[in-house]
Amino acid sequence: MNELSPTAVRMLRIGEGSGHLAPIAIRAADLFEERVERRLSKIVAIVGPAAILFIAVVVGGLVVSLRTSMISIGQLAN
């Protein structure tokens, strides 16, 4: 049972002792699913804008690089 949190272990022990293991196991699964969903939504809230900023920096770098190359070529033509 090393994969389960201490809260889940306690809930399952109580369910087993009371003879209601299945309903308590379902409730424990629901609780931990809610926790995982909250954590994932926080991660997505951070990763989404970070990815947009990263892409913007890369595209901006490419635009600046191309623009400076075009200016250099224009100066060589004069």
Protein backbone atom coordinates (compact mmCIF):
# COMPACT_ATOMS: atom_id res chain seq x y z
CA MET A 1 0.00 0.00 0.00
CA ASN A 2 2.93 2.37 -0.49
CA GLU A 3 1.19 3.85 -3.53
CA LEU A 4 -1.73 5.15 -1.46
CA SER A 5 -1.71 8.21 0.73
CA PRO A 6 -2.18 7.79 4.48
CA THR A 7 -5.66 9.31 4.17
CA ALA A 8 -6.71 6.69 1.63
CA VAL A 9 -5.29 3.89 3.78
CA ARG A 10 -7.25 5.13 6.80
CA MET A 11 -10.44 5.41 4.77
CA LEU A 12 -10.04 1.89 3.41
CA ARG A 13 -9.32 0.48 6.87
CA ILE A 14 -12.45 2.13 8.25
CA GLY A 15 -14.49 0.80 5.32
CA GLU A 16 -13.14 -2.70 5.80
CA GLY A 17 -13.81 -2.59 9.53
CA SER A 18 -17.36 -1.35 9.09
CA GLY A 19 -18.18 -3.76 6.27
CA HIS A 20 -18.70 -0.96 3.75
CA LEU A 21 -15.46 -1.19 1.82
CA ALA A 22 -16.87 -0.66 -1.69
CA PRO A 23 -18.77 2.60 -1.02
CA ILE A 24 -15.88 4.06 0.97
CA ALA A 25 -13.39 3.03 -1.72
CA ILE A 26 -15.55 4.81 -4.32
CA ARG A 27 -15.72 7.91 -2.11
CA ALA A 28 -11.94 7.85 -1.60
CA ALA A 29 -11.43 7.55 -5.36
CA ASP A 30 -13.74 10.52 -5.94
CA LEU A 31 -11.87 12.64 -3.38
CA PHE A 32 -8.48 11.88 -4.88
CA GLU A 33 -9.77 12.41 -8.40
CA GLU A 34 -10.91 15.89 -7.37
CA ARG A 35 -7.47 16.60 -5.92
CA VAL A 36 -5.76 15.50 -9.13
CA GLU A 37 -8.11 17.60 -11.25
CA ARG A 38 -7.40 20.70 -9.13
CA ARG A 39 -3.65 20.17 -9.38
CA LEU A 40 -3.83 19.62 -13.14
CA SER A 41 -5.92 22.74 -13.65
CA LYS A 42 -3.32 24.76 -11.72
CA ILE A 43 -0.53 23.31 -13.84
CA VAL A 44 -2.40 24.01 -17.08
CA ALA A 45 -3.10 27.56 -15.91
CA ILE A 46 0.65 28.10 -15.59
CA VAL A 47 1.91 26.11 -18.59
CA GLY A 48 -0.52 27.63 -21.12
CA PRO A 49 0.61 31.25 -20.79
CA ALA A 50 4.24 30.17 -20.40
CA ALA A 51 4.05 28.30 -23.71
CA ILE A 52 2.52 31.32 -25.42
CA LEU A 53 5.29 33.57 -24.10
CA PHE A 54 7.95 31.10 -25.22
CA ILE A 55 6.50 30.91 -28.74
CA ALA A 56 6.22 34.70 -28.88
CA VAL A 57 9.89 35.09 -27.93
CA VAL A 58 10.97 32.54 -30.55
CA VAL A 59 8.89 34.16 -33.30
CA GLY A 60 10.07 37.63 -32.24
CA GLY A 61 13.67 36.45 -32.36
CA LEU A 62 13.17 35.10 -35.86
CA VAL A 63 11.58 38.34 -37.03
CA VAL A 64 14.42 40.43 -35.60
CA SER A 65 16.99 38.09 -37.15
CA LEU A 66 15.38 38.27 -40.58
CA ARG A 67 14.95 42.03 -40.35
CA THR A 68 18.59 42.63 -39.44
CA SER A 69 19.65 40.34 -42.30
CA MET A 70 17.52 42.30 -44.75
CA ILE A 71 18.96 45.59 -43.51
CA SER A 72 22.51 44.24 -43.89
CA ILE A 73 21.80 43.08 -47.42
CA GLY A 74 20.28 46.48 -48.23
CA GLN A 75 23.38 48.26 -46.94
CA LEU A 76 25.63 46.03 -49.04
CA ALA A 77 23.61 46.87 -52.16
CA ASN A 78 24.22 50.61 -51.67
